[in-house]
């Protein structure tokens, strides 16, 4: 059992990164072209509004590909700025921000939201731990730290909660700006304030590099673009430092992960504990990349799908007690901890 789960997870992370980031290269013909009609509504800006395809090369929001292969928004940090447009359109945060500005009618949004919610309930935050390309990049940074024998930093209790509150703050500010610039009197600011979080998100700077596409690292044309440029640099430094010094600390701050966390409890994936078999060794807490302690702290049987859990299953992998921890999918036990 030891290291087998992590090995499988690494393989899935690599495959997912290749498909999600290089989807625009691998699947050059869009699925809609073969079926004759789109599987989901293609969301477009109304007259007078802006979209990423209207930004020229060299601007912050210029995408290297105009169209993704699939017009969907999975529960992962799928970046709109993947080379050649990527496999999927974008992340759910992009979806909300863009369509608040466009004031898209709910009937066009429902198919996308329904699929997103269904996928969230099926897998919970396993999307973060097994699929997310930015999480995979961060895990690679963590591997480098381990190779250099640099221990992970210990953060004070409550630090993760502070990051979560910060993430809610980022969400609130982003959605407020996105809604505001959708009104006629403020549409003239869309060229500067469109997709405000995307302008500072580290994925916008990282994902194009996989296709040898140079992202726009700076734009000092005016005070607004200069502010977004500096904020993007700051957030990138925080991203790199978070993974290098603190494993998955960034995932507590990520707005996409925050939305996914709402569905962790009640998802088809369940982490279970039989407390009578626990010897309080603390290994589950030691290996948890999210720094969660509830599995160790509580002494009762039950489901431990904490909102911060990314379902990496390291706790099951490391637990030395037979049957103490287990993974259930749709109520059926799939995996459990073993001594060897």
C-alpha atoms as a PDB file:
ATOM      1  CA  UNK A   1       0.000   0.000   0.000  1.00  0.00           C
ATOM      2  CA  UNK A   2       2.808   2.398   0.922  1.00  0.00           C
ATOM      3  CA  UNK A   3       3.488   4.823  -1.946  1.00  0.00           C
ATOM      4  CA  UNK A   4       1.226   2.903  -4.359  1.00  0.00           C
ATOM      5  CA  UNK A   5      -1.623   5.408  -4.068  1.00  0.00           C
ATOM      6  CA  UNK A   6       0.750   8.333  -4.538  1.00  0.00           C
ATOM      7  CA  UNK A   7       2.275   6.657  -7.588  1.00  0.00           C
ATOM      8  CA  UNK A   8      -1.151   6.133  -9.171  1.00  0.00           C
ATOM      9  CA  UNK A   9      -2.120   9.705  -8.324  1.00  0.00           C
ATOM     10  CA  UNK A  10       1.032  11.043  -9.979  1.00  0.00           C
ATOM     11  CA  UNK A  11       0.258   9.103 -13.150  1.00  0.00           C
ATOM     12  CA  UNK A  12      -3.295  10.466 -13.242  1.00  0.00           C
ATOM     13  CA  UNK A  13      -2.004  13.991 -12.577  1.00  0.00           C
ATOM     14  CA  UNK A  14       0.411  13.769 -15.505  1.00  0.00           C
ATOM     15  CA  UNK A  15      -2.223  12.359 -17.875  1.00  0.00           C
ATOM     16  CA  UNK A  16      -4.720  15.022 -16.767  1.00  0.00           C
ATOM     17  CA  UNK A  17      -2.204  17.821 -17.233  1.00  0.00           C
ATOM     18  CA  UNK A  18      -1.379  16.618 -20.745  1.00  0.00           C
ATOM     19  CA  UNK A  19      -5.043  16.332 -21.750  1.00  0.00           C
ATOM     20  CA  UNK A  20      -6.208  19.581 -20.163  1.00  0.00           C
ATOM     21  CA  UNK A  21      -3.286  21.782 -21.171  1.00  0.00           C
ATOM     22  CA  UNK A  22      -2.497  20.270 -24.572  1.00  0.00           C
ATOM     23  CA  UNK A  23      -6.097  19.486 -25.519  1.00  0.00           C
ATOM     24  CA  UNK A  24      -6.018  22.263 -28.105  1.00  0.00           C
ATOM     25  CA  UNK A  25      -3.148  20.483 -29.874  1.00  0.00           C
ATOM     26  CA  UNK A  26      -4.296  16.885 -29.431  1.00  0.00           C
ATOM     27  CA  UNK A  27      -7.897  17.433 -30.510  1.00  0.00           C
ATOM     28  CA  UNK A  28      -7.605  19.980 -33.274  1.00  0.00           C
ATOM     29  CA  UNK A  29     -11.124  19.377 -34.613  1.00  0.00           C
ATOM     30  CA  UNK A  30     -13.774  20.551 -32.226  1.00  0.00           C
ATOM     31  CA  UNK A  31     -16.348  17.988 -31.142  1.00  0.00           C
ATOM     32  CA  UNK A  32     -19.194  20.215 -32.295  1.00  0.00           C
ATOM     33  CA  UNK A  33     -17.831  20.091 -35.843  1.00  0.00           C
ATOM     34  CA  UNK A  34     -18.304  16.329 -35.939  1.00  0.00           C
ATOM     35  CA  UNK A  35     -21.686  16.179 -34.238  1.00  0.00           C
ATOM     36  CA  UNK A  36     -23.189  19.043 -36.202  1.00  0.00           C
ATOM     37  CA  UNK A  37     -24.370  20.946 -33.122  1.00  0.00           C
ATOM     38  CA  UNK A  38     -22.832  21.902 -29.773  1.00  0.00           C
ATOM     39  CA  UNK A  39     -23.436  19.624 -26.807  1.00  0.00           C
ATOM     40  CA  UNK A  40     -23.797  22.669 -24.551  1.00  0.00           C
ATOM     41  CA  UNK A  41     -24.807  26.268 -25.299  1.00  0.00           C
ATOM     42  CA  UNK A  42     -21.891  28.372 -26.529  1.00  0.00           C
ATOM     43  CA  UNK A  43     -21.908  31.447 -24.329  1.00  0.00           C
ATOM     44  CA  UNK A  44     -21.257  34.681 -26.192  1.00  0.00           C
ATOM     45  CA  UNK A  45     -21.066  38.338 -25.148  1.00  0.00           C
ATOM     46  CA  UNK A  46     -23.989  40.630 -25.946  1.00  0.00           C
ATOM     47  CA  UNK A  47     -23.618  43.603 -28.223  1.00  0.00           C
ATOM     48  CA  UNK A  48     -21.309  46.169 -26.676  1.00  0.00           C
ATOM     49  CA  UNK A  49     -19.594  43.750 -24.271  1.00  0.00           C
ATOM     50  CA  UNK A  50     -16.093  42.371 -24.473  1.00  0.00           C
ATOM     51  CA  UNK A  51     -14.631  38.855 -24.459  1.00  0.00           C
ATOM     52  CA  UNK A  52     -11.122  37.388 -24.312  1.00  0.00           C
ATOM     53  CA  UNK A  53     -11.100  36.884 -28.088  1.00  0.00           C
ATOM     54  CA  UNK A  54     -11.222  40.657 -28.554  1.00  0.00           C
ATOM     55  CA  UNK A  55      -7.922  41.224 -26.753  1.00  0.00           C
ATOM     56  CA  UNK A  56      -4.872  41.587 -28.973  1.00  0.00           C
ATOM     57  CA  UNK A  57      -1.578  39.785 -28.530  1.00  0.00           C
ATOM     58  CA  UNK A  58       0.451  41.544 -25.870  1.00  0.00           C
ATOM     59  CA  UNK A  59      -2.491  42.413 -23.646  1.00  0.00           C
ATOM     60  CA  UNK A  60      -2.991  40.734 -20.273  1.00  0.00           C
ATOM     61  CA  UNK A  61      -6.104  38.800 -21.332  1.00  0.00           C
ATOM     62  CA  UNK A  62      -4.895  37.646 -24.753  1.00  0.00           C
ATOM     63  CA  UNK A  63      -5.555  33.884 -25.235  1.00  0.00           C
ATOM     64  CA  UNK A  64      -3.314  31.932 -27.610  1.00  0.00           C
ATOM     65  CA  UNK A  65      -6.309  29.951 -28.840  1.00  0.00           C
ATOM     66  CA  UNK A  66      -9.715  31.382 -29.651  1.00  0.00           C
ATOM     67  CA  UNK A  67     -11.720  28.206 -29.092  1.00  0.00           C
ATOM     68  CA  UNK A  68     -11.373  25.276 -26.700  1.00  0.00           C
ATOM     69  CA  UNK A  69     -12.245  21.758 -27.809  1.00  0.00           C
ATOM     70  CA  UNK A  70     -15.230  21.584 -25.416  1.00  0.00           C
ATOM     71  CA  UNK A  71     -17.332  24.488 -24.173  1.00  0.00           C
ATOM     72  CA  UNK A  72     -17.444  23.239 -20.568  1.00  0.00           C
ATOM     73  CA  UNK A  73     -16.250  24.307 -17.131  1.00  0.00           C
ATOM     74  CA  UNK A  74     -15.085  21.310 -15.036  1.00  0.00           C
ATOM     75  CA  UNK A  75     -14.495  21.619 -11.249  1.00  0.00           C
ATOM     76  CA  UNK A  76     -10.771  22.266 -11.650  1.00  0.00           C
ATOM     77  CA  UNK A  77      -8.490  25.183 -12.444  1.00  0.00           C
ATOM     78  CA  UNK A  78      -8.866  24.796 -16.206  1.00  0.00           C
ATOM     79  CA  UNK A  79      -7.237  27.919 -17.591  1.00  0.00           C
ATOM     80  CA  UNK A  80      -8.737  29.876 -20.485  1.00  0.00           C
ATOM     81  CA  UNK A  81      -5.166  30.750 -21.441  1.00  0.00           C
ATOM     82  CA  UNK A  82      -4.031  27.209 -22.136  1.00  0.00           C
ATOM     83  CA  UNK A  83      -2.131  26.976 -25.447  1.00  0.00           C
ATOM     84  CA  UNK A  84      -4.419  26.645 -28.480  1.00  0.00           C
ATOM     85  CA  UNK A  85      -7.454  27.105 -26.227  1.00  0.00           C
ATOM     86  CA  UNK A  86      -7.027  23.861 -24.261  1.00  0.00           C
ATOM     87  CA  UNK A  87      -9.457  20.966 -23.921  1.00  0.00           C
ATOM     88  CA  UNK A  88     -12.126  22.790 -21.880  1.00  0.00           C
ATOM     89  CA  UNK A  89     -13.215  26.422 -21.921  1.00  0.00           C
ATOM     90  CA  UNK A  90     -12.154  27.622 -18.468  1.00  0.00           C
ATOM     91  CA  UNK A  91     -12.629  27.227 -14.725  1.00  0.00           C
ATOM     92  CA  UNK A  92     -15.937  27.832 -12.947  1.00  0.00           C
ATOM     93  CA  UNK A  93     -14.632  31.107 -11.506  1.00  0.00           C
ATOM     94  CA  UNK A  94     -14.060  32.394 -15.031  1.00  0.00           C
ATOM     95  CA  UNK A  95     -17.551  31.171 -15.927  1.00  0.00           C
ATOM     96  CA  UNK A  96     -19.257  33.175 -13.172  1.00  0.00           C
ATOM     97  CA  UNK A  97     -17.133  36.285 -13.679  1.00  0.00           C
ATOM     98  CA  UNK A  98     -17.604  36.375 -17.445  1.00  0.00           C
ATOM     99  CA  UNK A  99     -21.330  35.758 -17.427  1.00  0.00           C
ATOM    100  CA  UNK A 100     -22.024  38.248 -14.649  1.00  0.00           C
ATOM    101  CA  UNK A 101     -20.490  40.858 -16.930  1.00  0.00           C
ATOM    102  CA  UNK A 102     -22.436  39.614 -19.951  1.00  0.00           C
ATOM    103  CA  UNK A 103     -25.639  39.323 -17.899  1.00  0.00           C
ATOM    104  CA  UNK A 104     -26.267  35.960 -19.568  1.00  0.00           C
ATOM    105  CA  UNK A 105     -29.781  34.564 -19.145  1.00  0.00           C
ATOM    106  CA  UNK A 106     -29.962  31.722 -16.634  1.00  0.00           C
ATOM    107  CA  UNK A 107     -31.466  29.298 -19.193  1.00  0.00           C
ATOM    108  CA  UNK A 108     -28.156  29.301 -21.093  1.00  0.00           C
ATOM    109  CA  UNK A 109     -26.155  28.834 -17.905  1.00  0.00           C
ATOM    110  CA  UNK A 110     -28.163  25.959 -16.434  1.00  0.00           C
ATOM    111  CA  UNK A 111     -26.709  23.155 -18.623  1.00  0.00           C
ATOM    112  CA  UNK A 112     -23.163  24.183 -17.683  1.00  0.00           C
ATOM    113  CA  UNK A 113     -24.032  24.618 -13.998  1.00  0.00           C
ATOM    114  CA  UNK A 114     -25.851  21.268 -13.892  1.00  0.00           C
ATOM    115  CA  UNK A 115     -22.835  19.422 -15.286  1.00  0.00           C
ATOM    116  CA  UNK A 116     -20.507  21.249 -12.899  1.00  0.00           C
ATOM    117  CA  UNK A 117     -22.597  20.438  -9.818  1.00  0.00           C
ATOM    118  CA  UNK A 118     -22.980  16.807 -10.899  1.00  0.00           C
ATOM    119  CA  UNK A 119     -19.206  16.422 -11.300  1.00  0.00           C
ATOM    120  CA  UNK A 120     -18.649  18.093  -7.933  1.00  0.00           C
ATOM    121  CA  UNK A 121     -21.010  15.715  -6.158  1.00  0.00           C
ATOM    122  CA  UNK A 122     -19.428  12.738  -7.904  1.00  0.00           C
ATOM    123  CA  UNK A 123     -15.814  13.450  -6.989  1.00  0.00           C
ATOM    124  CA  UNK A 124     -15.760  16.318  -4.468  1.00  0.00           C
ATOM    125  CA  UNK A 125     -12.345  17.945  -4.122  1.00  0.00           C
ATOM    126  CA  UNK A 126     -10.666  14.935  -5.683  1.00  0.00           C
ATOM    127  CA  UNK A 127     -10.610  17.267  -8.686  1.00  0.00           C
ATOM    128  CA  UNK A 128      -8.094  19.373  -6.754  1.00  0.00           C
ATOM    129  CA  UNK A 129      -5.951  16.487  -5.579  1.00  0.00           C
ATOM    130  CA  UNK A 130      -5.909  14.353  -8.731  1.00  0.00           C
ATOM    131  CA  UNK A 131      -6.840  16.484 -11.768  1.00  0.00           C
ATOM    132  CA  UNK A 132      -6.003  20.181 -11.314  1.00  0.00           C
ATOM    133  CA  UNK A 133      -3.011  21.088 -13.545  1.00  0.00           C
ATOM    134  CA  UNK A 134      -1.960  23.978 -11.306  1.00  0.00           C
ATOM    135  CA  UNK A 135      -2.083  21.684  -8.286  1.00  0.00           C
ATOM    136  CA  UNK A 136       0.119  19.249 -10.213  1.00  0.00           C
ATOM    137  CA  UNK A 137       2.616  22.033 -10.969  1.00  0.00           C
ATOM    138  CA  UNK A 138       2.598  22.902  -7.280  1.00  0.00           C
ATOM    139  CA  UNK A 139       3.201  19.272  -6.281  1.00  0.00           C
ATOM    140  CA  UNK A 140       6.221  19.245  -8.620  1.00  0.00           C
ATOM    141  CA  UNK A 141       7.574  22.287  -6.777  1.00  0.00           C
ATOM    142  CA  UNK A 142       7.049  20.405  -3.508  1.00  0.00           C
ATOM    143  CA  UNK A 143       9.004  17.431  -4.896  1.00  0.00           C
ATOM    144  CA  UNK A 144      11.902  19.770  -5.668  1.00  0.00           C
ATOM    145  CA  UNK A 145      11.822  21.031  -2.077  1.00  0.00           C
ATOM    146  CA  UNK A 146      11.939  17.470  -0.758  1.00  0.00           C
ATOM    147  CA  UNK A 147      14.861  16.599  -3.041  1.00  0.00           C
ATOM    148  CA  UNK A 148      16.715  19.552  -1.537  1.00  0.00           C
ATOM    149  CA  UNK A 149      15.935  18.215   1.967  1.00  0.00           C
ATOM    150  CA  UNK A 150      14.106  21.405   2.920  1.00  0.00           C
ATOM    151  CA  UNK A 151      11.363  20.673   5.481  1.00  0.00           C
ATOM    152  CA  UNK A 152       7.853  22.036   4.998  1.00  0.00           C
ATOM    153  CA  UNK A 153       7.022  25.062   7.112  1.00  0.00           C
ATOM    154  CA  UNK A 154       4.626  24.670  10.007  1.00  0.00           C
ATOM    155  CA  UNK A 155       1.902  27.292  10.041  1.00  0.00           C
ATOM    156  CA  UNK A 156      -0.045  28.365  13.124  1.00  0.00           C
ATOM    157  CA  UNK A 157      -3.518  27.043  13.802  1.00  0.00           C
ATOM    158  CA  UNK A 158      -6.118  29.203  12.152  1.00  0.00           C
ATOM    159  CA  UNK A 159      -3.849  30.092   9.236  1.00  0.00           C
ATOM    160  CA  UNK A 160      -5.849  27.947   6.814  1.00  0.00           C
ATOM    161  CA  UNK A 161      -9.080  29.585   7.996  1.00  0.00           C
ATOM    162  CA  UNK A 162      -7.562  33.009   7.353  1.00  0.00           C
ATOM    163  CA  UNK A 163      -6.671  31.959   3.811  1.00  0.00           C
ATOM    164  CA  UNK A 164     -10.194  30.642   3.291  1.00  0.00           C
ATOM    165  CA  UNK A 165     -11.679  33.961   4.409  1.00  0.00           C
ATOM    166  CA  UNK A 166      -9.271  35.727   2.050  1.00  0.00           C
ATOM    167  CA  UNK A 167     -10.518  33.508  -0.760  1.00  0.00           C
ATOM    168  CA  UNK A 168     -14.097  34.527   0.023  1.00  0.00           C
ATOM    169  CA  UNK A 169     -12.939  38.146  -0.094  1.00  0.00           C
ATOM    170  CA  UNK A 170     -11.348  37.612  -3.522  1.00  0.00           C
ATOM    171  CA  UNK A 171     -14.553  35.983  -4.725  1.00  0.00           C
ATOM    172  CA  UNK A 172     -16.716  38.842  -3.461  1.00  0.00           C
ATOM    173  CA  UNK A 173     -14.544  41.560  -5.015  1.00  0.00           C
ATOM    174  CA  UNK A 174     -14.282  39.684  -8.328  1.00  0.00           C
ATOM    175  CA  UNK A 175     -18.010  39.108  -8.663  1.00  0.00           C
ATOM    176  CA  UNK A 176     -18.800  42.691  -7.617  1.00  0.00           C
ATOM    177  CA  UNK A 177     -16.486  44.149 -10.278  1.00  0.00           C
ATOM    178  CA  UNK A 178     -17.727  41.691 -12.894  1.00  0.00           C
ATOM    179  CA  UNK A 179     -21.346  42.615 -12.190  1.00  0.00           C
ATOM    180  CA  UNK A 180     -20.650  46.343 -12.085  1.00  0.00           C
ATOM    181  CA  UNK A 181     -18.969  46.554 -15.498  1.00  0.00           C
ATOM    182  CA  UNK A 182     -21.939  44.743 -17.040  1.00  0.00           C
ATOM    183  CA  UNK A 183     -24.177  47.777 -16.544  1.00  0.00           C
ATOM    184  CA  UNK A 184     -24.347  50.217 -19.493  1.00  0.00           C
ATOM    185  CA  UNK A 185     -22.811  53.129 -17.577  1.00  0.00           C
ATOM    186  CA  UNK A 186     -19.723  51.086 -16.711  1.00  0.00           C
ATOM    187  CA  UNK A 187     -19.187  49.054 -19.887  1.00  0.00           C
ATOM    188  CA  UNK A 188     -16.437  51.425 -20.989  1.00  0.00           C
ATOM    189  CA  UNK A 189     -14.306  49.956 -18.185  1.00  0.00           C
ATOM    190  CA  UNK A 190     -14.614  46.364 -19.435  1.00  0.00           C
ATOM    191  CA  UNK A 191     -11.376  46.641 -21.415  1.00  0.00           C
ATOM    192  CA  UNK A 192      -9.568  47.177 -18.089  1.00  0.00           C
ATOM    193  CA  UNK A 193     -11.645  45.331 -15.465  1.00  0.00           C
ATOM    194  CA  UNK A 194     -12.882  42.294 -17.423  1.00  0.00           C
ATOM    195  CA  UNK A 195     -12.162  38.985 -15.636  1.00  0.00           C
ATOM    196  CA  UNK A 196     -10.343  40.704 -12.742  1.00  0.00           C
ATOM    197  CA  UNK A 197      -9.215  37.507 -11.022  1.00  0.00           C
ATOM    198  CA  UNK A 198      -7.962  35.963 -14.267  1.00  0.00           C
ATOM    199  CA  UNK A 199      -5.686  38.961 -14.659  1.00  0.00           C
ATOM    200  CA  UNK A 200      -3.829  38.079 -11.447  1.00  0.00           C
ATOM    201  CA  UNK A 201      -4.272  34.279 -11.428  1.00  0.00           C
ATOM    202  CA  UNK A 202      -0.960  32.348 -11.625  1.00  0.00           C
ATOM    203  CA  UNK A 203      -2.518  29.923 -14.137  1.00  0.00           C
ATOM    204  CA  UNK A 204      -2.664  32.739 -16.706  1.00  0.00           C
ATOM    205  CA  UNK A 205       1.114  33.040 -16.517  1.00  0.00           C
ATOM    206  CA  UNK A 206       1.975  29.346 -16.122  1.00  0.00           C
ATOM    207  CA  UNK A 207      -0.289  27.458 -18.554  1.00  0.00           C
ATOM    208  CA  UNK A 208       0.773  29.212 -21.803  1.00  0.00           C
ATOM    209  CA  UNK A 209       4.392  28.260 -21.077  1.00  0.00           C
ATOM    210  CA  UNK A 210       3.548  24.572 -21.639  1.00  0.00           C
ATOM    211  CA  UNK A 211       2.886  25.455 -25.279  1.00  0.00           C
ATOM    212  CA  UNK A 212       5.956  27.691 -25.489  1.00  0.00           C
ATOM    213  CA  UNK A 213       3.576  30.641 -25.669  1.00  0.00           C
ATOM    214  CA  UNK A 214       4.820  33.776 -23.957  1.00  0.00           C
ATOM    215  CA  UNK A 215       2.198  35.184 -21.578  1.00  0.00           C
ATOM    216  CA  UNK A 216       2.012  38.912 -21.037  1.00  0.00           C
ATOM    217  CA  UNK A 217       3.974  39.466 -17.830  1.00  0.00           C
ATOM    218  CA  UNK A 218       3.542  43.237 -17.774  1.00  0.00           C
ATOM    219  CA  UNK A 219       1.310  46.030 -18.990  1.00  0.00           C
ATOM    220  CA  UNK A 220       2.081  49.513 -17.712  1.00  0.00           C
ATOM    221  CA  UNK A 221      -0.151  51.358 -20.171  1.00  0.00           C
ATOM    222  CA  UNK A 222      -2.142  53.010 -17.366  1.00  0.00           C
ATOM    223  CA  UNK A 223      -2.704  52.885 -13.611  1.00  0.00           C
ATOM    224  CA  UNK A 224      -5.266  50.048 -13.852  1.00  0.00           C
ATOM    225  CA  UNK A 225      -3.183  47.704 -16.015  1.00  0.00           C
ATOM    226  CA  UNK A 226      -0.102  48.559 -13.938  1.00  0.00           C
ATOM    227  CA  UNK A 227      -1.971  47.610 -10.758  1.00  0.00           C
ATOM    228  CA  UNK A 228      -3.083  44.284 -12.222  1.00  0.00           C
ATOM    229  CA  UNK A 229       0.483  43.619 -13.410  1.00  0.00           C
ATOM    230  CA  UNK A 230       1.950  44.174  -9.951  1.00  0.00           C
ATOM    231  CA  UNK A 231      -0.811  42.147  -8.292  1.00  0.00           C
ATOM    232  CA  UNK A 232      -0.163  39.274 -10.735  1.00  0.00           C
ATOM    233  CA  UNK A 233       3.519  39.283  -9.764  1.00  0.00           C
ATOM    234  CA  UNK A 234       2.655  39.279  -6.060  1.00  0.00           C
ATOM    235  CA  UNK A 235       0.160  36.423  -6.435  1.00  0.00           C
ATOM    236  CA  UNK A 236       2.691  34.413  -8.466  1.00  0.00           C
ATOM    237  CA  UNK A 237       5.275  34.825  -5.701  1.00  0.00           C
ATOM    238  CA  UNK A 238       2.688  33.726  -3.136  1.00  0.00           C
ATOM    239  CA  UNK A 239       1.811  30.701  -5.289  1.00  0.00           C
ATOM    240  CA  UNK A 240       5.436  29.577  -5.645  1.00  0.00           C
ATOM    241  CA  UNK A 241       6.214  30.199  -1.982  1.00  0.00           C
ATOM    242  CA  UNK A 242       3.042  28.416  -0.833  1.00  0.00           C
ATOM    243  CA  UNK A 243       3.954  25.187  -2.629  1.00  0.00           C
ATOM    244  CA  UNK A 244       7.677  25.421  -1.944  1.00  0.00           C
ATOM    245  CA  UNK A 245       7.420  26.071   1.777  1.00  0.00           C
ATOM    246  CA  UNK A 246       4.009  24.765   2.732  1.00  0.00           C
ATOM    247  CA  UNK A 247       2.883  21.988   0.391  1.00  0.00           C
ATOM    248  CA  UNK A 248      -0.753  22.650  -0.615  1.00  0.00           C
ATOM    249  CA  UNK A 249      -1.222  25.887   1.323  1.00  0.00           C
ATOM    250  CA  UNK A 250      -2.206  27.595  -1.947  1.00  0.00           C
ATOM    251  CA  UNK A 251      -5.254  25.323  -2.224  1.00  0.00           C
ATOM    252  CA  UNK A 252      -6.762  26.998   0.859  1.00  0.00           C
ATOM    253  CA  UNK A 253      -6.584  30.313  -1.018  1.00  0.00           C
ATOM    254  CA  UNK A 254      -7.676  29.138  -4.475  1.00  0.00           C
ATOM    255  CA  UNK A 255     -11.210  30.409  -5.309  1.00  0.00           C
ATOM    256  CA  UNK A 256     -11.883  27.404  -7.563  1.00  0.00           C
ATOM    257  CA  UNK A 257     -10.967  25.045  -4.728  1.00  0.00           C
ATOM    258  CA  UNK A 258     -13.217  27.070  -2.439  1.00  0.00           C
ATOM    259  CA  UNK A 259     -16.228  26.473  -4.696  1.00  0.00           C
ATOM    260  CA  UNK A 260     -15.370  22.779  -4.965  1.00  0.00           C
ATOM    261  CA  UNK A 261     -15.174  22.526  -1.171  1.00  0.00           C
ATOM    262  CA  UNK A 262     -18.893  23.312  -0.883  1.00  0.00           C
ATOM    263  CA  UNK A 263     -19.627  19.880  -2.365  1.00  0.00           C
ATOM    264  CA  UNK A 264     -17.072  17.782  -0.459  1.00  0.00           C
ATOM    265  CA  UNK A 265     -19.568  16.692   2.143  1.00  0.00           C
ATOM    266  CA  UNK A 266     -22.191  14.664   0.349  1.00  0.00           C
ATOM    267  CA  UNK A 267     -19.992  13.632  -2.576  1.00  0.00           C
ATOM    268  CA  UNK A 268     -19.732  10.042  -3.745  1.00  0.00           C
ATOM    269  CA  UNK A 269     -16.216   9.860  -2.291  1.00  0.00           C
ATOM    270  CA  UNK A 270     -16.171   9.327   1.485  1.00  0.00           C
ATOM    271  CA  UNK A 271     -13.241   9.050   3.881  1.00  0.00           C
ATOM    272  CA  UNK A 272     -14.194   6.858   6.842  1.00  0.00           C
ATOM    273  CA  UNK A 273     -12.566   6.202  10.190  1.00  0.00           C
ATOM    274  CA  UNK A 274     -13.025   3.423  12.731  1.00  0.00           C
ATOM    275  CA  UNK A 275     -11.777   5.109  15.881  1.00  0.00           C
ATOM    276  CA  UNK A 276     -11.398   1.900  17.906  1.00  0.00           C
ATOM    277  CA  UNK A 277      -8.557   0.881  15.573  1.00  0.00           C
ATOM    278  CA  UNK A 278      -6.735   4.229  15.817  1.00  0.00           C
ATOM    279  CA  UNK A 279      -3.543   4.237  17.937  1.00  0.00           C
ATOM    280  CA  UNK A 280      -3.114   8.049  17.791  1.00  0.00           C
ATOM    281  CA  UNK A 281       0.204   7.824  15.950  1.00  0.00           C
ATOM    282  CA  UNK A 282      -0.546  11.118  14.188  1.00  0.00           C
ATOM    283  CA  UNK A 283       0.814  10.008  10.813  1.00  0.00           C
ATOM    284  CA  UNK A 284      -2.395  11.049   9.018  1.00  0.00           C
ATOM    285  CA  UNK A 285      -1.902  14.615  10.229  1.00  0.00           C
ATOM    286  CA  UNK A 286       1.802  14.533   9.439  1.00  0.00           C
ATOM    287  CA  UNK A 287       1.349  13.617   5.762  1.00  0.00           C
ATOM    288  CA  UNK A 288      -1.783  15.678   5.033  1.00  0.00           C
ATOM    289  CA  UNK A 289      -0.743  18.295   2.431  1.00  0.00           C
ATOM    290  CA  UNK A 290      -3.640  20.523   3.513  1.00  0.00           C
ATOM    291  CA  UNK A 291      -2.614  20.454   7.173  1.00  0.00           C
ATOM    292  CA  UNK A 292      -5.945  19.000   8.339  1.00  0.00           C
ATOM    293  CA  UNK A 293      -6.177  17.472  11.828  1.00  0.00           C
ATOM    294  CA  UNK A 294      -9.832  16.494  12.316  1.00  0.00           C
ATOM    295  CA  UNK A 295      -9.203  12.871  11.330  1.00  0.00           C
ATOM    296  CA  UNK A 296      -6.667  12.638  14.165  1.00  0.00           C
ATOM    297  CA  UNK A 297      -8.409  14.855  16.722  1.00  0.00           C
ATOM    298  CA  UNK A 298     -11.833  13.219  16.835  1.00  0.00           C
ATOM    299  CA  UNK A 299     -12.407   9.879  18.507  1.00  0.00           C
ATOM    300  CA  UNK A 300     -15.646   8.792  16.893  1.00  0.00           C
ATOM    301  CA  UNK A 301     -16.499   6.745  13.824  1.00  0.00           C
ATOM    302  CA  UNK A 302     -17.816   8.539  10.801  1.00  0.00           C
ATOM    303  CA  UNK A 303     -17.225  10.265   7.476  1.00  0.00           C
ATOM    304  CA  UNK A 304     -14.400  12.809   7.483  1.00  0.00           C
ATOM    305  CA  UNK A 305     -14.998  14.735   4.275  1.00  0.00           C
ATOM    306  CA  UNK A 306     -13.664  18.043   5.533  1.00  0.00           C
ATOM    307  CA  UNK A 307     -14.122  21.004   3.209  1.00  0.00           C
ATOM    308  CA  UNK A 308     -10.352  21.374   2.871  1.00  0.00           C
ATOM    309  CA  UNK A 309      -9.684  17.719   2.016  1.00  0.00           C
ATOM    310  CA  UNK A 310      -8.440  17.201  -1.573  1.00  0.00           C
ATOM    311  CA  UNK A 311      -8.879  13.404  -1.423  1.00  0.00           C
ATOM    312  CA  UNK A 312      -5.191  12.674  -2.043  1.00  0.00           C
ATOM    313  CA  UNK A 313      -5.636   9.578   0.200  1.00  0.00           C
ATOM    314  CA  UNK A 314      -2.202   9.956   1.785  1.00  0.00           C
ATOM    315  CA  UNK A 315      -3.805   9.366   5.172  1.00  0.00           C
ATOM    316  CA  UNK A 316      -5.033   5.931   4.076  1.00  0.00           C
ATOM    317  CA  UNK A 317      -1.692   5.213   2.435  1.00  0.00           C
ATOM    318  CA  UNK A 318       0.342   5.965   5.571  1.00  0.00           C
ATOM    319  CA  UNK A 319      -2.000   4.617   8.276  1.00  0.00           C
ATOM    320  CA  UNK A 320      -0.363   1.582   9.962  1.00  0.00           C
ATOM    321  CA  UNK A 321      -3.593   0.123  11.391  1.00  0.00           C
ATOM    322  CA  UNK A 322      -5.585  -2.385   9.345  1.00  0.00           C
ATOM    323  CA  UNK A 323      -9.028  -1.065   8.438  1.00  0.00           C
ATOM    324  CA  UNK A 324      -8.729   2.125  10.504  1.00  0.00           C
ATOM    325  CA  UNK A 325      -9.186   4.451   7.524  1.00  0.00           C
ATOM    326  CA  UNK A 326     -11.045   3.648   4.316  1.00  0.00           C
ATOM    327  CA  UNK A 327     -12.391   5.143   1.111  1.00  0.00           C
ATOM    328  CA  UNK A 328     -15.991   4.457   0.147  1.00  0.00           C
ATOM    329  CA  UNK A 329     -17.466   5.296  -3.248  1.00  0.00           C
ATOM    330  CA  UNK A 330     -21.275   5.310  -3.381  1.00  0.00           C
ATOM    331  CA  UNK A 331     -21.278   3.495  -0.046  1.00  0.00           C
ATOM    332  CA  UNK A 332     -19.012   0.678  -1.206  1.00  0.00           C
ATOM    333  CA  UNK A 333     -15.588   0.243   0.392  1.00  0.00           C
ATOM    334  CA  UNK A 334     -12.906   0.557  -2.279  1.00  0.00           C
ATOM    335  CA  UNK A 335      -9.744   1.005  -0.259  1.00  0.00           C
ATOM    336  CA  UNK A 336      -8.632   0.695   3.363  1.00  0.00           C
ATOM    337  CA  UNK A 337      -5.476   1.185   5.368  1.00  0.00           C
ATOM    338  CA  UNK A 338      -3.142  -1.750   5.919  1.00  0.00           C
ATOM    339  CA  UNK A 339      -0.061  -2.352   8.010  1.00  0.00           C
ATOM    340  CA  UNK A 340       1.940  -3.446   4.969  1.00  0.00           C
END
